[in-house]
Amino acid sequence: MKKSTVRVTIILIVLIAGIVGVYAYLASRSKSAAESAAMTNVQKVLSRDLEYDYPSTPKELLKYYNEIQKCFYNENCTDGEIEELANRARELYDEELLANNELGVHIMSLKAEIKDYKDHKRVITAVSVAASTNVDYFEQDGYEFARIYCGYNVTEGSTTSQVRQIFLLRRDGDRRWKIYGWDSADNVNPQ
């Protein structure tokens, strides 16, 4: 009897070890598959379908635009990703801004600016967009405009500085807000 009890015990131990081994293998395989399936920040930004999910307010538009900016300057993008992100940012631009900002020149100057950021080890550490209640809406020449403040904390080495910009948005024929232009907040006279 003792021999059969020992055999059954050994068989049970081998079975339990096998089940634990298979479970561990499957768990690590699904974890590595999930890790490889996780989207990068660039992929997340580019996955937004602007045809169906266009930002509805000036604040939401700037939030999305700043997600693109953070990808440019904080991520290690390939040239292809930079071009895709630039095209996505251009979808947010007003037709007049596009007309004055030729695609090839835009991408070339963007790549040079990104390289300068990387060379100086600059990173955008925080972005603050004005509250929706602080958007200045006005009409001019038959167009609806919105003026909105945006602040950026930029870290270079151990030094952090703040860059403040005012964005001017114009509503297009489809009632979508588009970026008409921007300037340093120091250069803009309060209205």
C-alpha atoms as a PDB file:
ATOM      1  CA  MET A   1       0.000   0.000   0.000  1.00  0.00           C
ATOM      2  CA  LYS A   2       2.752   2.432   0.769  1.00  0.00           C
ATOM      3  CA  LYS A   3       4.186   2.120  -2.751  1.00  0.00           C
ATOM      4  CA  SER A   4       0.871   3.053  -4.354  1.00  0.00           C
ATOM      5  CA  THR A   5       0.441   6.024  -1.978  1.00  0.00           C
ATOM      6  CA  VAL A   6       3.942   7.255  -2.867  1.00  0.00           C
ATOM      7  CA  ARG A   7       3.160   6.868  -6.615  1.00  0.00           C
ATOM      8  CA  VAL A   8      -0.115   8.773  -6.306  1.00  0.00           C
ATOM      9  CA  THR A   9       1.616  11.523  -4.310  1.00  0.00           C
ATOM     10  CA  ILE A  10       4.407  11.819  -6.916  1.00  0.00           C
ATOM     11  CA  ILE A  11       1.884  11.895  -9.761  1.00  0.00           C
ATOM     12  CA  LEU A  12      -0.142  14.606  -7.979  1.00  0.00           C
ATOM     13  CA  ILE A  13       2.997  16.694  -7.347  1.00  0.00           C
ATOM     14  CA  VAL A  14       4.022  16.381 -11.017  1.00  0.00           C
ATOM     15  CA  LEU A  15       0.502  17.329 -12.154  1.00  0.00           C
ATOM     16  CA  ILE A  16       0.344  20.324  -9.817  1.00  0.00           C
ATOM     17  CA  ALA A  17       3.823  21.466 -10.927  1.00  0.00           C
ATOM     18  CA  GLY A  18       2.749  21.092 -14.567  1.00  0.00           C
ATOM     19  CA  ILE A  19      -0.434  23.099 -14.031  1.00  0.00           C
ATOM     20  CA  VAL A  20       1.483  25.847 -12.193  1.00  0.00           C
ATOM     21  CA  GLY A  21       4.102  25.887 -14.969  1.00  0.00           C
ATOM     22  CA  VAL A  22       1.503  26.171 -17.733  1.00  0.00           C
ATOM     23  CA  TYR A  23      -0.319  28.934 -15.820  1.00  0.00           C
ATOM     24  CA  ALA A  24       2.926  30.865 -15.292  1.00  0.00           C
ATOM     25  CA  TYR A  25       3.817  30.522 -18.978  1.00  0.00           C
ATOM     26  CA  LEU A  26       0.384  31.706 -20.152  1.00  0.00           C
ATOM     27  CA  ALA A  27       0.309  34.588 -17.668  1.00  0.00           C
ATOM     28  CA  SER A  28       3.723  35.895 -18.755  1.00  0.00           C
ATOM     29  CA  ARG A  29       2.817  35.455 -22.428  1.00  0.00           C
ATOM     30  CA  SER A  30      -0.402  37.456 -22.078  1.00  0.00           C
ATOM     31  CA  LYS A  31       1.434  40.120 -20.045  1.00  0.00           C
ATOM     32  CA  SER A  32       4.122  40.536 -22.712  1.00  0.00           C
ATOM     33  CA  ALA A  33       1.438  40.610 -25.407  1.00  0.00           C
ATOM     34  CA  ALA A  34      -0.401  43.331 -23.484  1.00  0.00           C
ATOM     35  CA  GLU A  35       2.816  45.319 -23.058  1.00  0.00           C
ATOM     36  CA  SER A  36       3.580  45.114 -26.768  1.00  0.00           C
ATOM     37  CA  ALA A  37      -0.021  46.069 -27.557  1.00  0.00           C
ATOM     38  CA  ALA A  38       0.119  49.192 -25.344  1.00  0.00           C
ATOM     39  CA  MET A  39       0.027  52.315 -27.470  1.00  0.00           C
ATOM     40  CA  THR A  40       2.731  54.963 -27.323  1.00  0.00           C
ATOM     41  CA  ASN A  41       1.758  58.598 -26.736  1.00  0.00           C
ATOM     42  CA  VAL A  42       2.342  59.278 -30.428  1.00  0.00           C
ATOM     43  CA  GLN A  43       0.051  56.404 -31.437  1.00  0.00           C
ATOM     44  CA  LYS A  44      -2.638  57.609 -29.005  1.00  0.00           C
ATOM     45  CA  VAL A  45      -2.547  61.123 -30.443  1.00  0.00           C
ATOM     46  CA  LEU A  46      -2.625  59.869 -34.020  1.00  0.00           C
ATOM     47  CA  SER A  47      -5.435  57.400 -33.321  1.00  0.00           C
ATOM     48  CA  ARG A  48      -7.969  60.179 -32.745  1.00  0.00           C
ATOM     49  CA  ASP A  49     -10.369  60.398 -35.686  1.00  0.00           C
ATOM     50  CA  LEU A  50     -10.876  64.112 -36.221  1.00  0.00           C
ATOM     51  CA  GLU A  51     -13.640  63.484 -38.732  1.00  0.00           C
ATOM     52  CA  TYR A  52     -15.889  62.139 -35.969  1.00  0.00           C
ATOM     53  CA  ASP A  53     -14.166  63.385 -32.808  1.00  0.00           C
ATOM     54  CA  TYR A  54     -13.120  66.951 -33.579  1.00  0.00           C
ATOM     55  CA  PRO A  55     -12.582  69.138 -30.476  1.00  0.00           C
ATOM     56  CA  SER A  56     -15.779  71.103 -29.900  1.00  0.00           C
ATOM     57  CA  THR A  57     -14.458  74.031 -27.853  1.00  0.00           C
ATOM     58  CA  PRO A  58     -11.401  76.295 -28.058  1.00  0.00           C
ATOM     59  CA  LYS A  59     -10.076  74.753 -24.834  1.00  0.00           C
ATOM     60  CA  GLU A  60     -10.475  71.180 -26.127  1.00  0.00           C
ATOM     61  CA  LEU A  61      -8.815  72.157 -29.403  1.00  0.00           C
ATOM     62  CA  LEU A  62      -5.794  73.545 -27.572  1.00  0.00           C
ATOM     63  CA  LYS A  63      -5.598  70.519 -25.283  1.00  0.00           C
ATOM     64  CA  TYR A  64      -5.373  68.224 -28.310  1.00  0.00           C
ATOM     65  CA  TYR A  65      -2.937  70.557 -30.079  1.00  0.00           C
ATOM     66  CA  ASN A  66      -0.726  70.519 -26.990  1.00  0.00           C
ATOM     67  CA  GLU A  67      -0.785  66.715 -26.904  1.00  0.00           C
ATOM     68  CA  ILE A  68       0.711  66.882 -30.413  1.00  0.00           C
ATOM     69  CA  GLN A  69       3.288  69.445 -29.263  1.00  0.00           C
ATOM     70  CA  LYS A  70       4.328  67.253 -26.334  1.00  0.00           C
ATOM     71  CA  CYS A  71       4.823  64.343 -28.731  1.00  0.00           C
ATOM     72  CA  PHE A  72       7.069  66.509 -30.921  1.00  0.00           C
ATOM     73  CA  TYR A  73       9.278  67.712 -28.111  1.00  0.00           C
ATOM     74  CA  ASN A  74       9.091  65.023 -25.422  1.00  0.00           C
ATOM     75  CA  GLU A  75       8.980  61.777 -27.414  1.00  0.00           C
ATOM     76  CA  ASN A  76      11.606  60.195 -29.633  1.00  0.00           C
ATOM     77  CA  CYS A  77       9.683  60.347 -32.887  1.00  0.00           C
ATOM     78  CA  THR A  78      10.789  58.940 -36.198  1.00  0.00           C
ATOM     79  CA  ASP A  79      10.778  61.248 -39.216  1.00  0.00           C
ATOM     80  CA  GLY A  80       7.602  59.513 -40.369  1.00  0.00           C
ATOM     81  CA  GLU A  81       5.904  60.119 -37.027  1.00  0.00           C
ATOM     82  CA  ILE A  82       6.949  63.792 -37.072  1.00  0.00           C
ATOM     83  CA  GLU A  83       5.377  64.149 -40.508  1.00  0.00           C
ATOM     84  CA  GLU A  84       2.181  62.388 -39.393  1.00  0.00           C
ATOM     85  CA  LEU A  85       1.958  64.566 -36.285  1.00  0.00           C
ATOM     86  CA  ALA A  86       2.611  67.708 -38.361  1.00  0.00           C
ATOM     87  CA  ASN A  87      -0.192  66.748 -40.724  1.00  0.00           C
ATOM     88  CA  ARG A  88      -2.477  66.134 -37.758  1.00  0.00           C
ATOM     89  CA  ALA A  89      -1.604  69.557 -36.299  1.00  0.00           C
ATOM     90  CA  ARG A  90      -2.297  71.121 -39.692  1.00  0.00           C
ATOM     91  CA  GLU A  91      -5.821  69.662 -39.582  1.00  0.00           C
ATOM     92  CA  LEU A  92      -6.363  72.051 -36.657  1.00  0.00           C
ATOM     93  CA  TYR A  93      -5.074  75.095 -38.588  1.00  0.00           C
ATOM     94  CA  ASP A  94      -7.252  77.720 -40.222  1.00  0.00           C
ATOM     95  CA  GLU A  95      -7.158  77.833 -44.016  1.00  0.00           C
ATOM     96  CA  GLU A  96      -5.320  81.183 -43.953  1.00  0.00           C
ATOM     97  CA  LEU A  97      -2.630  79.797 -41.650  1.00  0.00           C
ATOM     98  CA  LEU A  98      -2.239  76.797 -43.957  1.00  0.00           C
ATOM     99  CA  ALA A  99      -1.965  79.059 -47.007  1.00  0.00           C
ATOM    100  CA  ASN A 100       0.891  80.963 -45.340  1.00  0.00           C
ATOM    101  CA  ASN A 101       2.636  77.856 -44.029  1.00  0.00           C
ATOM    102  CA  GLU A 102       3.671  75.518 -46.869  1.00  0.00           C
ATOM    103  CA  LEU A 103       3.870  71.866 -45.768  1.00  0.00           C
ATOM    104  CA  GLY A 104       7.470  71.130 -46.789  1.00  0.00           C
ATOM    105  CA  VAL A 105       8.850  74.287 -45.181  1.00  0.00           C
ATOM    106  CA  HIS A 106       6.737  73.664 -42.075  1.00  0.00           C
ATOM    107  CA  ILE A 107       8.071  70.129 -41.605  1.00  0.00           C
ATOM    108  CA  MET A 108      11.662  71.182 -42.283  1.00  0.00           C
ATOM    109  CA  SER A 109      11.546  74.004 -39.706  1.00  0.00           C
ATOM    110  CA  LEU A 110       9.688  71.756 -37.251  1.00  0.00           C
ATOM    111  CA  LYS A 111      12.399  69.075 -37.469  1.00  0.00           C
ATOM    112  CA  ALA A 112      15.090  71.721 -36.899  1.00  0.00           C
ATOM    113  CA  GLU A 113      13.215  73.061 -33.857  1.00  0.00           C
ATOM    114  CA  ILE A 114      12.750  69.542 -32.446  1.00  0.00           C
ATOM    115  CA  LYS A 115      16.463  68.838 -32.946  1.00  0.00           C
ATOM    116  CA  ASP A 116      17.314  72.064 -31.102  1.00  0.00           C
ATOM    117  CA  TYR A 117      15.036  71.016 -28.217  1.00  0.00           C
ATOM    118  CA  LYS A 118      16.687  67.596 -28.046  1.00  0.00           C
ATOM    119  CA  ASP A 119      20.219  69.050 -28.333  1.00  0.00           C
ATOM    120  CA  HIS A 120      19.518  71.376 -25.388  1.00  0.00           C
ATOM    121  CA  LYS A 121      17.693  68.611 -23.475  1.00  0.00           C
ATOM    122  CA  ARG A 122      14.511  70.677 -23.216  1.00  0.00           C
ATOM    123  CA  VAL A 123      11.252  69.029 -22.206  1.00  0.00           C
ATOM    124  CA  ILE A 124       7.724  70.383 -21.867  1.00  0.00           C
ATOM    125  CA  THR A 125       6.906  69.395 -18.295  1.00  0.00           C
ATOM    126  CA  ALA A 126       3.485  71.001 -17.939  1.00  0.00           C
ATOM    127  CA  VAL A 127       0.848  72.685 -20.051  1.00  0.00           C
ATOM    128  CA  SER A 128      -1.963  74.851 -18.736  1.00  0.00           C
ATOM    129  CA  VAL A 129      -4.817  75.998 -20.913  1.00  0.00           C
ATOM    130  CA  ALA A 130      -7.067  78.778 -19.662  1.00  0.00           C
ATOM    131  CA  ALA A 131     -10.413  77.772 -18.252  1.00  0.00           C
ATOM    132  CA  SER A 132     -13.335  77.830 -20.662  1.00  0.00           C
ATOM    133  CA  THR A 133     -14.721  80.816 -18.790  1.00  0.00           C
ATOM    134  CA  ASN A 134     -11.541  82.761 -19.608  1.00  0.00           C
ATOM    135  CA  VAL A 135     -11.883  82.461 -23.381  1.00  0.00           C
ATOM    136  CA  ASP A 136     -12.356  85.835 -25.045  1.00  0.00           C
ATOM    137  CA  TYR A 137     -14.970  85.472 -27.827  1.00  0.00           C
ATOM    138  CA  PHE A 138     -15.497  88.242 -30.372  1.00  0.00           C
ATOM    139  CA  GLU A 139     -16.631  88.865 -33.940  1.00  0.00           C
ATOM    140  CA  GLN A 140     -14.678  90.674 -36.596  1.00  0.00           C
ATOM    141  CA  ASP A 141     -15.120  90.947 -40.365  1.00  0.00           C
ATOM    142  CA  GLY A 142     -18.029  88.504 -40.235  1.00  0.00           C
ATOM    143  CA  TYR A 143     -16.023  85.766 -38.465  1.00  0.00           C
ATOM    144  CA  GLU A 144     -16.249  84.376 -34.944  1.00  0.00           C
ATOM    145  CA  PHE A 145     -12.945  84.420 -33.065  1.00  0.00           C
ATOM    146  CA  ALA A 146     -11.745  83.107 -29.735  1.00  0.00           C
ATOM    147  CA  ARG A 147      -8.625  84.241 -27.903  1.00  0.00           C
ATOM    148  CA  ILE A 148      -7.219  81.848 -25.310  1.00  0.00           C
ATOM    149  CA  TYR A 149      -4.136  81.792 -23.100  1.00  0.00           C
ATOM    150  CA  CYS A 150      -1.816  78.791 -22.824  1.00  0.00           C
ATOM    151  CA  GLY A 151       1.213  78.387 -20.565  1.00  0.00           C
ATOM    152  CA  TYR A 152       4.053  75.900 -20.900  1.00  0.00           C
ATOM    153  CA  ASN A 153       6.652  74.915 -18.334  1.00  0.00           C
ATOM    154  CA  VAL A 154       9.823  74.031 -20.211  1.00  0.00           C
ATOM    155  CA  THR A 155      12.678  72.346 -18.378  1.00  0.00           C
ATOM    156  CA  GLU A 156      16.224  72.582 -19.664  1.00  0.00           C
ATOM    157  CA  GLY A 157      18.625  70.716 -17.409  1.00  0.00           C
ATOM    158  CA  SER A 158      17.711  71.803 -13.887  1.00  0.00           C
ATOM    159  CA  THR A 159      16.138  75.113 -14.959  1.00  0.00           C
ATOM    160  CA  THR A 160      12.428  75.505 -15.586  1.00  0.00           C
ATOM    161  CA  SER A 161      11.019  78.472 -17.453  1.00  0.00           C
ATOM    162  CA  GLN A 162       7.518  79.415 -18.416  1.00  0.00           C
ATOM    163  CA  VAL A 163       6.493  80.169 -21.977  1.00  0.00           C
ATOM    164  CA  ARG A 164       3.178  81.983 -22.259  1.00  0.00           C
ATOM    165  CA  GLN A 165       1.281  82.156 -25.532  1.00  0.00           C
ATOM    166  CA  ILE A 166      -2.005  83.572 -26.718  1.00  0.00           C
ATOM    167  CA  PHE A 167      -3.793  81.559 -29.401  1.00  0.00           C
ATOM    168  CA  LEU A 168      -6.291  83.084 -31.780  1.00  0.00           C
ATOM    169  CA  LEU A 169      -8.894  80.676 -33.110  1.00  0.00           C
ATOM    170  CA  ARG A 170     -11.412  81.259 -35.873  1.00  0.00           C
ATOM    171  CA  ARG A 171     -14.584  79.313 -36.538  1.00  0.00           C
ATOM    172  CA  ASP A 172     -14.769  77.855 -40.040  1.00  0.00           C
ATOM    173  CA  GLY A 173     -17.786  77.195 -42.287  1.00  0.00           C
ATOM    174  CA  ASP A 174     -18.359  73.821 -40.582  1.00  0.00           C
ATOM    175  CA  ARG A 175     -18.520  75.611 -37.185  1.00  0.00           C
ATOM    176  CA  ARG A 176     -15.213  74.056 -36.119  1.00  0.00           C
ATOM    177  CA  TRP A 177     -12.639  76.111 -34.263  1.00  0.00           C
ATOM    178  CA  LYS A 178      -9.336  76.334 -36.116  1.00  0.00           C
ATOM    179  CA  ILE A 179      -6.017  77.824 -35.053  1.00  0.00           C
ATOM    180  CA  TYR A 180      -5.673  81.167 -36.819  1.00  0.00           C
ATOM    181  CA  GLY A 181      -2.348  82.021 -35.199  1.00  0.00           C
ATOM    182  CA  TRP A 182      -0.477  82.524 -31.937  1.00  0.00           C
ATOM    183  CA  ASP A 183       2.065  84.811 -30.386  1.00  0.00           C
ATOM    184  CA  SER A 184       3.969  85.240 -27.157  1.00  0.00           C
ATOM    185  CA  ALA A 185       1.698  86.617 -24.447  1.00  0.00           C
ATOM    186  CA  ASP A 186       4.303  89.364 -23.904  1.00  0.00           C
ATOM    187  CA  ASN A 187       3.676  90.630 -27.478  1.00  0.00           C
ATOM    188  CA  VAL A 188      -0.127  90.728 -27.240  1.00  0.00           C
ATOM    189  CA  ASN A 189      -1.930  93.779 -25.938  1.00  0.00           C
ATOM    190  CA  PRO A 190      -4.845  92.909 -23.663  1.00  0.00           C
ATOM    191  CA  GLN A 191      -8.173  93.826 -25.245  1.00  0.00           C
END
